Each structure stands twice: as structure tokens, then as C-alpha cells.
Amino acid sequence: MTKSTSTPTTAQSLGSLLKSARDIMRKDKGLNGDLDRLPLLTWIMFLKFLDDLELQREEEAKLSVKKFAPALEAPYRWRDWASKPDGLTGDELLAFINNEETTLPDGARGSGLFRYLRTLAGGGDGEDRREVIATVFKGVDNRMKSGYLLRDVVNKIAGIHFTSSDELHTLGTLYESMLREMRDAAGDSGEFYTPRAVVRFMVTVTDPRLGETVLDPASGTGGFLVEAYNHLAGQVKTLADRKTLQTKSIYGCEAKPLPYLLCQMNLLLHGLDSPQIDPGNSLRHKLTDIGERDRVDVILTNPPFGGEEERGIQGNFPDDKQTSETALLFLQLIMRKLRRQGGKGRAAVVVPNGTLFGDGVCARIKEELLKEFNLHTIVRLPNGVFAPYTGIPTNLLFFDRSGPTGEVWYYEHPLPEGRKNYTKTAPIQFDEFAPLIAWWNKRKENERAWQVPAADLLANGCNLDRKNPSAKDDATHLPPEQLVANILRKEQRIMEIMGNINKLIKKSGRK
């Protein structure tokens, strides 16, 4: 984005503007909490951003005497129906947005706004943008019942200048805070949003380099991709570098319409002009069909766990590694998608504790991971990192394509002194990872770090759930929260074993 000549709105003003818009939406009885309000605010911002971007690109095309192909035609552009404060309002505005066919702002009859956006297609320079827009709006509905309140919200968003880089940076930060607010409603299907501190740590030590491709196959609202984009943006020095960053670096996949919309907007606000996010299920392709041209250099992700995939999806995986457990299918996909050439393909993945000690299919997947990949580091996170979404203990796996695993380094990340748990109001902070980052490239065993030969892990059924040898053995001295966590961990393992037995019974036809 180039800088606007207008005076950028301050962070305080932008915050007030967004708050005012949300206050207006709270008055509308058609909306049910932030799960409805945030998507509404997002699609309105999306269309304003798109129009600002199109105006800028049209001006650049004129200066360079090039033909410009807009993504949207009149009267569906923001400038046509939304920019005038006294424009369409009330029932007329609702009809223009919601109806399949309606009276347009120019008086003609035609498709309503959403129908037009959902059916976008065609060739030319704007093709990619049109396809993205169509995909975004296939999963979006306008739930506001009052066209007058909707006009008030539109007028608020009209005050944002998306051509100002300063304003975009500020708005991106404010938008992230709104995303965090809605995440309390997440977790029903095993989708736990990753704390920003954990995301930033994973990106920092994985260190994507400009020219490499970065993928999150379970993008959610785009947290990993935004952090990777920011990391790569600091390496841009030329126009060619910027083109590489904008067109050949960041890739994602998100099948659910709402997170897909939020991911697109999140990346747009942080400066990625045309996010390349696949709206399908990452697991829909046969694993054997993935070749070197489909592989990427870096994978950063927190795949959903606890969910179950249908038989058709399971059939895309090897016979001896088929499972309904979503996390295990994603782990196989990640292994397959890492670039082999040069041995520099690398991944950082959040996994539940059950993945470490799981047997059966899980053990066979981990055997391949140890024998075919270099699983060099497992970071064990303390209780409450993912509060309030889940209390399940979590770990970070770091592996690459440099060869088979020789030994696995474990690092037990501690709670801050005096703390017994992380909570929603007191989450993990990035600066807490400073000792781990300092240790990362100068590894020595200490009270937090130890290593285990891969041969020992393979000989023990690929059980990666290894206790810190420096930890106290006397359980009576453990705090109550840790005792409870240990009990829950054992109960979880029992449930997983019982689940595997139940699947075997069903498979054999016995009741």
C-alpha cells in the first residue's frame, strides 16, 4: 500500500469508530452476539477495502498506460452504493443487498449485491480477485434487520482510509483484538485458536526466508500466515522482493466460511494484496497424489484435534494409517507436503499430548516421522496455554527433511515464577520464550532441556511422551493443579485406548 496524502486516522479514532459501529449493531435484533456482528463488520470492511484498492490500482494503470480490469462493475462497487452518507438506506438498502433481484441504485433492475458477488467469474486481470470475492460471499449472509442501522454502520466504515499504510497497520492490530474477543465461542470441533505468543515463537525459530513458500493447511483466521507475512516483510529490500512476498510466499487452506472470510480480511489488513487461501478441505486429496510441485518449504499450523473425519476423507490415506482422528490425518498431510529437495523443508506443528503417547495408527505415523524426517525438537507447553478453549496438554513438534532422526531434544517450557496456570486474562507472553530462543541454536542439557536417542523411542513403541529427567519424582510435592493435569492425562490415554478397542470391535463386526 502507498501512503495516502490525507491525514491518517489515529489508533484512538479508529478504535472509537469500530466501537461505534459495533454499538450500532448491538441495537439490531437480527444479530446474535459477536459471532454475528464480527462477520457483518468484516464483509462491510472487505468491500470498502476492495474499492480503495481498486481505485489505487486503476490510478496506477493510468499512469503506466496499462489496461485495468476491475473486479467489480457498477453499480456494485462501494463508491456506487455506500460512499454517500445519504445514499441507499432502510428497506431499499436491505433489498439491494439481500434480494436475488432488485432495483439498483441507478434505477435499473438486476441482481442483488450478494447474488452478484457470489456469481462472479470470468477472465482478465481481475480473475483471481473475482474468484476470491465469490468464494468469500458464498459463506456470508447479512443478518441485520434494520436497513437504517446498517446504513449507520456503513457510514462509520466509510471513514476508514484503506490506502494509508499507517491506518492499515493500526486497523490490523484492532482487528486482531476483535478476533480474540470472538474466540471464546471457538473449540466446539477441536479448533483452538493459537495464542499470538506461541505463533510468534514458532515463526521466529522456524525462520521463513524470502523466496520460500509458507503454508498453513488449517488457517483458521490466519494467525500463522499473518505472523509469517510480517516476518518475511522485514526481509523485503527491492520491488522484486515485494512481488515475491505478495505473489509467491503465503498460502493457506480453510474450509469453513466464517474463518475463511476472517482469514482473508486479516491478511488484507496486514498488507497481503491477494491472499491465496484455498476454501476447501486440506484433507480432500489422496496423499499419493501430492508430488514435489505441490510441496512447500515451511509449514506452520495448529490443526484441529479431537474432531473426526468421514470415511471418504480417511480413504485418501494409506491403509495402515487411516483414522478418523483429524490431528493424525493432518500430521500425515504435513509430512507429505514438506519439500524434499535440498532437505530444507521444515514444519512447526501444535499437537495434543495424546499424539505423543498414542499407539496403533498413531505409533505407525510417528515411526515414519522418526525414520523419514528429522524430529529435532519437542517443546512441552505448561497448563493453561490454550485457556479457556481446552485444558488438554499441548506440545510443539519441530521437524524437517534433512534426514532421519538421530535424537530428539525436549524442552519443558515453564510457567512464570509464582504462577500455577495460564488463564484467559493472564495468557502466555512472547518474552517468556526468550530463554528457549537463546537455547535454540546453542543447545545444552539443563533442568529444562534433555535429549533422547531416536533408537530408544523406536524401541519403546514410538512413545514420545518422555518425562523431564530433572523433574521431581515425589508426586506429593506437586501442586494440586499439576496432580489434576496428570490424572487427566492418564484418563485421556485410557479413553484413547478404549476408543481404539471400540473401533477394532466395530471393524470385526462384533458387538
Protein backbone atom coordinates (compact mmCIF):
# COMPACT_ATOMS: atom_id res chain seq x y z
CA MET A 1 0.00 0.00 0.00
CA THR A 2 1.17 3.52 -0.73
CA LYS A 3 0.67 6.28 1.75
CA SER A 4 -2.40 8.41 1.48
CA THR A 5 -1.98 12.13 1.23
CA SER A 6 -4.81 12.53 3.73
CA THR A 7 -4.07 12.65 7.42
CA PRO A 8 -4.26 9.09 8.79
CA THR A 9 -6.79 8.42 11.50
CA THR A 10 -5.22 7.86 14.91
CA ALA A 11 -5.41 4.48 16.63
CA GLN A 12 -7.75 6.01 19.19
CA SER A 13 -10.04 7.38 16.48
CA LEU A 14 -10.08 4.07 14.61
CA GLY A 15 -10.83 2.23 17.81
CA SER A 16 -13.70 4.61 18.55
CA LEU A 17 -15.01 4.26 15.01
CA LEU A 18 -15.08 0.45 15.20
CA LYS A 19 -16.60 0.55 18.67
CA SER A 20 -19.32 2.89 17.41
CA ALA A 21 -20.06 0.53 14.52
CA ARG A 22 -20.37 -2.42 16.91
CA ASP A 23 -22.55 -0.39 19.28
CA ILE A 24 -24.89 0.33 16.37
CA MET A 25 -25.05 -3.37 15.50
CA ARG A 26 -25.92 -4.26 19.09
CA LYS A 27 -29.21 -2.40 18.59
CA ASP A 28 -30.24 -4.71 15.75
CA LYS A 29 -32.37 -7.65 16.89
CA GLY A 30 -31.29 -9.79 13.95
CA LEU A 31 -27.77 -10.18 15.31
CA ASN A 32 -26.82 -12.75 17.93
CA GLY A 33 -23.69 -11.56 19.73
CA ASP A 34 -20.20 -11.09 18.30
CA LEU A 35 -20.45 -14.31 16.27
CA ASP A 36 -22.91 -12.39 14.03
CA ARG A 37 -21.52 -8.87 14.48
CA LEU A 38 -17.92 -9.61 13.54
CA PRO A 39 -18.74 -11.28 10.18
CA LEU A 40 -21.04 -8.38 9.34
CA LEU A 41 -18.37 -5.83 10.17
CA THR A 42 -15.85 -7.92 8.21
CA TRP A 43 -17.75 -8.13 4.93
CA ILE A 44 -18.51 -4.41 5.00
CA MET A 45 -14.83 -3.63 5.65
CA PHE A 46 -13.87 -6.14 2.93
CA LEU A 47 -15.90 -4.27 0.29
CA LYS A 48 -14.57 -0.86 1.39
CA PHE A 49 -11.01 -2.17 1.31
CA LEU A 50 -11.57 -3.71 -2.13
CA ASP A 51 -12.86 -0.46 -3.57
CA ASP A 52 -9.96 1.55 -2.14
CA LEU A 53 -7.55 -0.99 -3.61
CA GLU A 54 -9.29 -0.91 -6.99
CA LEU A 55 -9.20 2.90 -7.10
CA GLN A 56 -5.50 2.84 -6.35
CA ARG A 57 -4.74 0.19 -8.97
CA GLU A 58 -6.84 1.99 -11.55
CA GLU A 59 -4.82 5.17 -10.98
CA GLU A 60 -1.55 3.24 -11.23
CA ALA A 61 -2.72 1.66 -14.51
CA LYS A 62 -3.48 5.10 -15.96
CA LEU A 63 -0.02 6.39 -15.04
CA SER A 64 1.65 3.38 -16.67
CA VAL A 65 -0.75 3.46 -19.66
CA LYS A 66 -1.98 -0.06 -18.94
CA LYS A 67 -5.47 -1.53 -19.22
CA PHE A 68 -7.23 -2.02 -15.92
CA ALA A 69 -9.80 -4.79 -15.39
CA PRO A 70 -11.86 -4.10 -12.27
CA ALA A 71 -13.05 -6.93 -10.07
CA LEU A 72 -16.49 -5.34 -9.62
CA GLU A 73 -18.62 -3.40 -12.06
CA ALA A 74 -21.02 -0.51 -11.39
CA PRO A 75 -23.34 -0.24 -9.51
CA TYR A 76 -21.90 -2.89 -7.16
CA ARG A 77 -18.72 -1.04 -6.20
CA TRP A 78 -18.57 0.61 -2.77
CA ARG A 79 -18.37 4.05 -4.39
CA ASP A 80 -21.69 3.40 -6.19
CA TRP A 81 -23.94 2.42 -3.29
CA ALA A 82 -22.17 3.05 0.02
CA SER A 83 -19.90 6.08 -0.17
CA LYS A 84 -22.61 8.77 0.10
CA PRO A 85 -23.84 9.21 3.70
CA ASP A 86 -27.35 9.92 2.43
CA GLY A 87 -27.38 7.06 -0.09
CA LEU A 88 -29.46 3.87 -0.06
CA THR A 89 -30.95 3.18 3.36
CA GLY A 90 -33.80 1.37 5.10
CA ASP A 91 -35.72 -1.29 3.19
CA GLU A 92 -34.18 -0.18 -0.11
CA LEU A 93 -30.67 -0.89 1.22
CA LEU A 94 -31.71 -4.29 2.58
CA ALA A 95 -33.36 -5.19 -0.74
CA PHE A 96 -30.29 -4.13 -2.71
CA ILE A 97 -28.04 -6.31 -0.52
CA ASN A 98 -30.24 -9.34 0.18
CA ASN A 99 -32.64 -9.88 -2.73
CA GLU A 100 -31.93 -12.14 -5.67
CA GLU A 101 -33.32 -9.43 -7.97
CA THR A 102 -33.87 -5.81 -7.02
CA THR A 103 -33.95 -2.20 -8.10
CA LEU A 104 -30.37 -0.98 -8.37
CA PRO A 105 -29.08 2.46 -7.28
CA ASP A 106 -29.21 3.62 -10.92
CA GLY A 107 -32.90 2.66 -11.19
CA ALA A 108 -32.40 -0.43 -13.37
CA ARG A 109 -33.43 -3.97 -12.38
CA GLY A 110 -30.70 -6.50 -11.68
CA SER A 111 -29.15 -8.95 -9.26
CA GLY A 112 -28.90 -8.01 -5.62
CA LEU A 113 -25.43 -7.27 -4.26
CA PHE A 114 -24.81 -10.62 -2.58
CA ARG A 115 -26.13 -12.61 -5.55
CA TYR A 116 -23.86 -10.62 -7.87
CA LEU A 117 -20.82 -11.16 -5.65
CA ARG A 118 -21.47 -14.90 -5.26
CA THR A 119 -21.69 -15.42 -9.02
CA LEU A 120 -18.54 -13.52 -10.01
CA ALA A 121 -16.39 -15.29 -12.57
CA GLY A 122 -14.55 -14.61 -15.81
CA GLY A 123 -11.18 -13.88 -17.30
CA GLY A 124 -8.88 -10.90 -17.40
CA ASP A 125 -6.59 -9.28 -14.88
CA GLY A 126 -9.25 -9.29 -12.19
CA GLU A 127 -9.99 -13.04 -12.40
CA ASP A 128 -8.22 -14.08 -9.21
CA ARG A 129 -9.83 -11.30 -7.20
CA ARG A 130 -13.27 -12.18 -8.55
CA GLU A 131 -12.89 -15.82 -7.62
CA VAL A 132 -11.80 -14.89 -4.10
CA ILE A 133 -14.74 -12.50 -3.72
CA ALA A 134 -17.22 -15.11 -4.96
CA THR A 135 -15.84 -17.70 -2.53
CA VAL A 136 -15.93 -15.26 0.38
CA PHE A 137 -19.56 -14.26 -0.16
CA LYS A 138 -20.85 -17.79 -0.69
CA GLY A 139 -20.46 -18.21 3.06
CA VAL A 140 -21.75 -14.77 4.12
CA ASP A 141 -25.23 -13.56 4.97
CA ASN A 142 -26.49 -10.14 6.04
CA ARG A 143 -28.33 -10.70 9.31
CA MET A 144 -29.17 -7.10 10.13
CA LYS A 145 -32.92 -6.49 10.08
CA SER A 146 -32.76 -2.70 10.14
CA GLY A 147 -31.59 -1.06 6.94
CA TYR A 148 -31.27 2.24 8.80
CA LEU A 149 -28.85 0.81 11.38
CA LEU A 150 -26.97 -0.91 8.54
CA ARG A 151 -26.57 2.46 6.80
CA ASP A 152 -25.15 3.91 10.03
CA VAL A 153 -22.58 1.07 10.18
CA VAL A 154 -21.67 1.59 6.50
CA ASN A 155 -21.16 5.31 7.13
CA LYS A 156 -18.79 4.53 10.02
CA ILE A 157 -16.68 2.17 7.88
CA ALA A 158 -16.59 4.77 5.11
CA GLY A 159 -14.39 6.84 7.43
CA ILE A 160 -11.53 4.32 7.20
CA HIS A 161 -8.82 5.11 4.64
CA PHE A 162 -7.52 1.78 3.39
CA THR A 163 -4.93 3.49 1.20
CA SER A 164 -2.98 4.68 4.24
CA SER A 165 -0.29 2.25 5.35
CA ASP A 166 -0.31 3.76 8.85
CA GLU A 167 -4.04 3.27 9.13
CA LEU A 168 -3.83 -0.28 7.79
CA HIS A 169 -1.25 -1.18 10.42
CA THR A 170 -3.40 0.29 13.18
CA LEU A 171 -6.57 -1.30 11.84
CA GLY A 172 -4.84 -4.69 11.56
CA THR A 173 -3.96 -4.54 15.25
CA LEU A 174 -7.51 -3.51 16.20
CA TYR A 175 -8.95 -6.25 14.03
CA GLU A 176 -6.82 -8.87 15.78
CA SER A 177 -8.20 -7.72 19.11
CA MET A 178 -11.72 -8.23 17.75
CA LEU A 179 -10.79 -11.73 16.59
CA ARG A 180 -9.56 -12.55 20.08
CA GLU A 181 -12.89 -11.42 21.51
CA MET A 182 -14.86 -13.88 19.37
CA ARG A 183 -12.59 -16.83 20.12
CA ASP A 184 -14.34 -17.64 23.37
CA ALA A 185 -17.00 -19.25 21.22
CA ALA A 186 -14.46 -21.50 19.47
CA GLY A 187 -13.46 -25.01 20.40
CA ASP A 188 -16.64 -27.00 19.74
CA SER A 189 -14.96 -29.00 16.97
CA GLY A 190 -11.44 -29.15 18.32
CA GLU A 191 -10.43 -25.84 16.73
CA PHE A 192 -8.45 -23.98 19.37
CA TYR A 193 -7.03 -20.64 18.35
CA THR A 194 -3.32 -20.38 18.97
CA PRO A 195 -2.10 -17.63 21.34
CA ARG A 196 -0.18 -14.94 19.48
CA ALA A 197 2.90 -15.50 21.66
CA VAL A 198 3.07 -19.18 20.65
CA VAL A 199 2.55 -18.32 16.98
CA ARG A 200 5.30 -15.71 17.07
CA PHE A 201 7.70 -18.10 18.79
CA MET A 202 7.06 -20.85 16.21
CA VAL A 203 7.61 -18.44 13.31
CA THR A 204 10.74 -16.96 14.92
CA VAL A 205 12.60 -20.25 15.37
CA THR A 206 11.37 -21.74 12.08
CA ASP A 207 12.60 -18.54 10.40
CA PRO A 208 10.97 -18.50 6.92
CA ARG A 209 13.18 -16.79 4.35
CA LEU A 210 12.03 -14.63 1.45
CA GLY A 211 11.76 -16.86 -1.61
CA GLU A 212 10.43 -19.79 0.41
CA THR A 213 6.79 -20.86 0.38
CA VAL A 214 4.88 -20.89 3.66
CA LEU A 215 1.68 -22.91 4.20
CA ASP A 216 -0.89 -23.28 6.94
CA PRO A 217 -3.23 -26.12 5.88
CA ALA A 218 -5.62 -25.28 8.74
CA SER A 219 -5.53 -21.49 8.52
CA GLY A 220 -8.44 -20.55 10.79
CA THR A 221 -8.44 -16.76 10.96
CA GLY A 222 -4.89 -16.54 9.59
CA GLY A 223 -2.76 -16.01 12.70
CA PHE A 224 0.22 -18.07 11.50
CA LEU A 225 0.07 -16.61 7.99
CA VAL A 226 -0.07 -13.02 9.26
CA GLU A 227 2.93 -13.61 11.52
CA ALA A 228 4.84 -15.31 8.68
CA TYR A 229 3.97 -12.42 6.35
CA ASN A 230 5.27 -9.89 8.89
CA HIS A 231 8.44 -11.96 9.35
CA LEU A 232 9.06 -12.05 5.59
CA ALA A 233 8.14 -8.38 5.10
CA GLY A 234 11.17 -7.41 7.19
CA GLN A 235 13.38 -9.03 4.54
CA VAL A 236 11.99 -7.04 1.59
CA LYS A 237 14.55 -4.66 0.08
CA THR A 238 13.54 -4.30 -3.60
CA LEU A 239 10.42 -4.17 -5.75
CA ALA A 240 11.22 -7.71 -6.90
CA ASP A 241 11.33 -8.81 -3.26
CA ARG A 242 7.92 -7.24 -2.66
CA LYS A 243 6.47 -9.04 -5.69
CA THR A 244 7.85 -12.33 -4.36
CA LEU A 245 6.29 -11.68 -0.96
CA GLN A 246 2.94 -10.69 -2.44
CA THR A 247 2.57 -13.49 -5.00
CA LYS A 248 4.80 -16.46 -4.19
CA SER A 249 5.14 -16.76 -0.43
CA ILE A 250 1.98 -17.18 1.66
CA TYR A 251 -0.56 -19.98 1.18
CA GLY A 252 -3.38 -21.30 3.33
CA CYS A 253 -6.44 -23.53 3.40
CA GLU A 254 -9.64 -23.05 5.37
CA ALA A 255 -12.85 -24.93 4.62
CA LYS A 256 -15.28 -23.14 6.96
CA PRO A 257 -16.89 -19.98 5.51
CA LEU A 258 -16.61 -17.73 8.58
CA PRO A 259 -12.92 -18.38 9.38
CA TYR A 260 -12.20 -18.17 5.62
CA LEU A 261 -13.71 -14.67 5.48
CA LEU A 262 -11.89 -13.60 8.64
CA CYS A 263 -8.60 -15.01 7.34
CA GLN A 264 -8.92 -13.12 4.06
CA MET A 265 -9.67 -9.86 5.86
CA ASN A 266 -6.92 -10.40 8.42
CA LEU A 267 -4.29 -10.86 5.69
CA LEU A 268 -5.62 -7.96 3.62
CA LEU A 269 -5.43 -5.62 6.59
CA HIS A 270 -1.84 -6.66 7.26
CA GLY A 271 -0.76 -5.85 3.70
CA LEU A 272 -1.16 -9.00 1.59
CA ASP A 273 -2.94 -7.74 -1.52
CA SER A 274 -4.35 -11.04 -2.86
CA PRO A 275 -4.38 -13.78 -0.20
CA GLN A 276 -4.10 -17.26 -1.67
CA ILE A 277 -6.36 -19.22 0.64
CA ASP A 278 -7.91 -22.47 -0.60
CA PRO A 279 -11.56 -22.67 0.57
CA GLY A 280 -11.63 -26.49 0.51
CA ASN A 281 -10.73 -29.24 2.98
CA SER A 282 -6.95 -29.74 3.05
CA LEU A 283 -7.50 -33.47 3.54
CA ARG A 284 -9.63 -33.94 0.40
CA HIS A 285 -6.77 -35.06 -1.86
CA LYS A 286 -5.16 -38.50 -1.92
CA LEU A 287 -1.82 -38.39 -0.15
CA THR A 288 -0.15 -40.30 -3.01
CA ASP A 289 -1.23 -37.61 -5.50
CA ILE A 290 0.89 -34.96 -3.77
CA GLY A 291 4.11 -34.50 -5.74
CA GLU A 292 7.15 -32.26 -5.41
CA ARG A 293 5.48 -29.38 -7.25
CA ASP A 294 2.72 -29.40 -4.62
CA ARG A 295 5.17 -29.21 -1.72
CA VAL A 296 6.23 -26.16 0.26
CA ASP A 297 9.29 -25.06 2.20
CA VAL A 298 7.70 -24.19 5.54
CA ILE A 299 4.52 -25.38 7.28
CA LEU A 300 3.26 -23.59 10.39
CA THR A 301 0.00 -24.79 11.83
CA ASN A 302 -2.27 -25.76 14.69
CA PRO A 303 -4.51 -28.39 13.07
CA PRO A 304 -7.86 -29.18 14.70
CA PHE A 305 -7.75 -32.08 17.16
CA GLY A 306 -10.49 -34.06 18.77
CA GLY A 307 -12.60 -33.95 15.59
CA GLU A 308 -13.48 -36.88 13.36
CA GLU A 309 -13.24 -37.17 9.57
CA GLU A 310 -15.65 -39.16 7.40
CA ARG A 311 -14.78 -42.39 5.59
CA GLY A 312 -14.29 -40.68 2.25
CA ILE A 313 -11.55 -38.47 3.70
CA GLN A 314 -9.91 -41.37 5.55
CA GLY A 315 -9.69 -43.25 2.23
CA ASN A 316 -7.18 -40.66 0.97
CA PHE A 317 -4.57 -42.05 3.37
CA PRO A 318 -2.54 -45.32 3.40
CA ASP A 319 -4.49 -48.39 4.53
CA ASP A 320 -2.35 -48.89 7.65
CA LYS A 321 -2.60 -45.21 8.66
CA GLN A 322 -6.29 -44.49 8.23
CA THR A 323 -8.02 -42.96 11.23
CA SER A 324 -10.94 -40.68 12.00
CA GLU A 325 -8.74 -38.52 14.27
CA THR A 326 -8.30 -35.22 12.45
CA ALA A 327 -4.97 -34.32 14.09
CA LEU A 328 -3.32 -37.55 12.88
CA LEU A 329 -4.57 -37.05 9.32
CA PHE A 330 -3.21 -33.51 9.30
CA LEU A 331 0.15 -34.70 10.63
CA GLN A 332 0.42 -37.11 7.69
CA LEU A 333 -0.56 -34.37 5.25
CA ILE A 334 2.08 -32.03 6.70
CA MET A 335 4.76 -34.71 6.36
CA ARG A 336 3.77 -35.32 2.74
CA LYS A 337 3.61 -31.59 1.85
CA LEU A 338 7.14 -30.72 3.03
CA ARG A 339 9.58 -30.11 0.19
CA ARG A 340 12.16 -32.88 -0.17
CA GLN A 341 14.68 -31.26 -2.50
CA GLY A 342 17.61 -29.80 -0.60
CA GLY A 343 16.40 -31.14 2.74
CA LYS A 344 15.32 -27.66 3.90
CA GLY A 345 11.59 -28.32 4.16
CA ARG A 346 10.57 -27.79 7.78
CA ALA A 347 7.47 -27.70 9.93
CA ALA A 348 6.27 -26.46 13.31
CA VAL A 349 3.04 -28.09 14.48
CA VAL A 350 0.86 -27.88 17.59
CA VAL A 351 -0.29 -31.35 18.74
CA PRO A 352 -2.26 -32.62 21.75
CA ASN A 353 -0.48 -34.74 24.32
CA GLY A 354 -2.30 -37.84 23.08
CA THR A 355 -0.28 -37.70 19.87
CA LEU A 356 2.91 -38.24 21.86
CA PHE A 357 1.83 -41.43 23.62
CA GLY A 358 -0.77 -42.78 21.16
CA ASP A 359 -0.31 -46.30 19.82
CA GLY A 360 -1.73 -48.21 16.84
CA VAL A 361 -2.12 -45.94 13.82
CA CYS A 362 -0.63 -43.07 15.80
CA ALA A 363 2.53 -45.10 16.54
CA ARG A 364 2.92 -46.04 12.86
CA ILE A 365 2.72 -42.39 11.85
CA LYS A 366 5.34 -41.46 14.46
CA GLU A 367 7.58 -44.29 13.27
CA GLU A 368 7.55 -42.77 9.79
CA LEU A 369 8.19 -39.35 11.32
CA LEU A 370 11.27 -40.64 13.16
CA LYS A 371 12.64 -42.72 10.29
CA GLU A 372 11.94 -40.40 7.34
CA PHE A 373 12.14 -36.97 8.98
CA ASN A 374 14.36 -35.23 11.49
CA LEU A 375 12.13 -34.67 14.52
CA HIS A 376 14.70 -32.48 16.22
CA THR A 377 12.65 -30.71 18.91
CA ILE A 378 9.55 -31.19 21.06
CA VAL A 379 8.54 -28.22 23.20
CA ARG A 380 6.26 -29.23 26.06
CA LEU A 381 3.89 -26.42 26.97
CA PRO A 382 2.56 -25.94 30.52
CA ASN A 383 -1.04 -25.97 31.69
CA GLY A 384 -3.49 -23.36 30.50
CA VAL A 385 -1.70 -22.12 27.37
CA PHE A 386 -4.89 -22.65 25.39
CA ALA A 387 -7.25 -21.47 28.15
CA PRO A 388 -10.18 -21.06 28.04
CA TYR A 389 -10.65 -23.25 24.95
CA THR A 390 -9.18 -26.50 26.29
CA GLY A 391 -7.29 -27.91 29.23
CA ILE A 392 -5.69 -30.66 27.12
CA PRO A 393 -1.88 -30.54 27.46
CA THR A 394 -0.23 -29.44 24.20
CA ASN A 395 3.19 -29.72 22.57
CA LEU A 396 5.04 -28.15 19.66
CA LEU A 397 6.70 -30.52 17.17
CA PHE A 398 9.56 -29.22 15.02
CA PHE A 399 10.82 -31.43 12.19
CA ASP A 400 12.48 -31.14 8.80
CA ARG A 401 13.56 -33.13 5.71
CA SER A 402 17.29 -33.15 6.48
CA GLY A 403 17.30 -36.92 7.15
CA PRO A 404 16.17 -39.47 9.73
CA THR A 405 16.02 -38.51 13.39
CA GLY A 406 19.20 -39.09 15.39
CA GLU A 407 17.95 -37.79 18.69
CA VAL A 408 15.03 -35.70 19.85
CA TRP A 409 15.58 -32.66 22.02
CA TYR A 410 12.88 -31.98 24.59
CA TYR A 411 12.34 -28.60 26.19
CA GLU A 412 9.88 -28.17 29.04
CA HIS A 413 8.61 -24.61 28.91
CA PRO A 414 7.97 -23.43 32.49
CA LEU A 415 5.20 -21.34 33.94
CA PRO A 416 6.36 -17.93 35.17
CA GLU A 417 7.59 -17.95 38.75
CA GLY A 418 4.71 -17.81 41.18
CA ARG A 419 2.13 -18.83 38.58
CA LYS A 420 0.16 -22.09 38.72
CA ASN A 421 -1.57 -21.77 35.38
CA TYR A 422 -2.23 -19.54 32.38
CA THR A 423 -5.71 -18.08 32.05
CA LYS A 424 -7.75 -16.07 29.58
CA THR A 425 -6.95 -12.84 31.43
CA ALA A 426 -3.29 -13.73 32.06
CA PRO A 427 -2.13 -15.56 28.91
CA ILE A 428 1.36 -16.63 27.91
CA GLN A 429 3.62 -13.76 26.72
CA PHE A 430 6.22 -13.84 23.94
CA ASP A 431 9.05 -12.60 26.18
CA GLU A 432 8.64 -15.77 28.26
CA PHE A 433 10.15 -17.66 25.31
CA ALA A 434 13.42 -15.67 25.49
CA PRO A 435 15.39 -18.41 27.35
CA LEU A 436 14.12 -21.04 24.89
CA ILE A 437 15.05 -18.89 21.87
CA ALA A 438 18.53 -18.28 23.35
CA TRP A 439 18.93 -22.05 23.88
CA TRP A 440 17.65 -22.93 20.40
CA ASN A 441 20.93 -22.54 18.47
CA LYS A 442 23.28 -23.35 21.39
CA ARG A 443 21.78 -26.50 22.80
CA LYS A 444 22.92 -28.00 26.05
CA GLU A 445 21.13 -30.21 28.52
CA ASN A 446 19.85 -28.36 31.59
CA GLU A 447 16.97 -28.54 34.05
CA ARG A 448 14.56 -27.74 31.20
CA ALA A 449 16.20 -29.45 28.22
CA TRP A 450 17.16 -33.08 27.62
CA GLN A 451 17.60 -35.37 24.62
CA VAL A 452 16.52 -38.91 23.84
CA PRO A 453 18.03 -41.09 21.06
CA ALA A 454 15.55 -41.94 18.31
CA ALA A 455 16.52 -45.61 18.68
CA ASP A 456 15.18 -45.57 22.25
CA LEU A 457 11.90 -44.05 21.09
CA LEU A 458 11.51 -46.56 18.26
CA ALA A 459 12.26 -49.44 20.62
CA ASN A 460 9.55 -48.22 23.00
CA GLY A 461 6.65 -48.26 20.54
CA CYS A 462 7.36 -44.69 19.37
CA ASN A 463 6.11 -43.29 22.67
CA LEU A 464 7.28 -39.67 22.58
CA ASP A 465 5.77 -38.82 25.96
CA ARG A 466 9.06 -38.55 27.81
CA LYS A 467 9.31 -37.08 31.28
CA ASN A 468 11.89 -34.47 32.19
CA PRO A 469 14.67 -36.41 33.98
CA SER A 470 15.33 -33.35 36.16
CA ALA A 471 11.73 -33.21 37.38
CA LYS A 472 10.89 -34.22 40.94
CA ASP A 473 9.53 -37.75 41.26
CA ASP A 474 7.73 -37.16 44.55
CA ALA A 475 4.14 -36.51 43.49
CA THR A 476 3.13 -35.40 46.97
CA HIS A 477 5.07 -32.18 46.42
CA LEU A 478 3.35 -31.34 43.15
CA PRO A 479 0.77 -28.53 43.20
CA PRO A 480 -2.89 -29.68 43.05
CA GLU A 481 -3.33 -28.31 39.51
CA GLN A 482 -0.45 -30.44 38.23
CA LEU A 483 -1.75 -33.53 40.02
CA VAL A 484 -5.13 -33.00 38.37
CA ALA A 485 -3.44 -32.47 34.97
CA ASN A 486 -1.52 -35.74 35.42
CA ILE A 487 -4.73 -37.59 36.25
CA LEU A 488 -6.50 -36.07 33.24
CA ARG A 489 -3.59 -37.07 31.01
CA LYS A 490 -3.85 -40.68 32.17
CA GLU A 491 -7.62 -40.65 31.77
CA GLN A 492 -7.23 -39.28 28.26
CA ARG A 493 -4.84 -42.09 27.39
CA ILE A 494 -7.29 -44.67 28.76
CA MET A 495 -10.09 -43.13 26.67
CA GLU A 496 -7.94 -43.23 23.53
CA ILE A 497 -7.06 -46.88 24.12
CA MET A 498 -10.74 -47.71 24.73
CA GLY A 499 -11.65 -45.84 21.56
CA ASN A 500 -9.16 -47.89 19.54
CA ILE A 501 -10.55 -51.10 21.03
CA ASN A 502 -14.08 -49.99 20.15
CA LYS A 503 -13.03 -49.29 16.55
CA LEU A 504 -11.47 -52.77 16.29
CA ILE A 505 -14.67 -54.33 17.60
CA LYS A 506 -16.78 -52.43 15.07
CA LYS A 507 -14.37 -53.33 12.28
CA SER A 508 -14.55 -57.04 13.11
CA GLY A 509 -18.35 -56.90 13.18
CA ARG A 510 -18.65 -57.92 16.83
CA LYS A 511 -20.90 -56.03 19.25
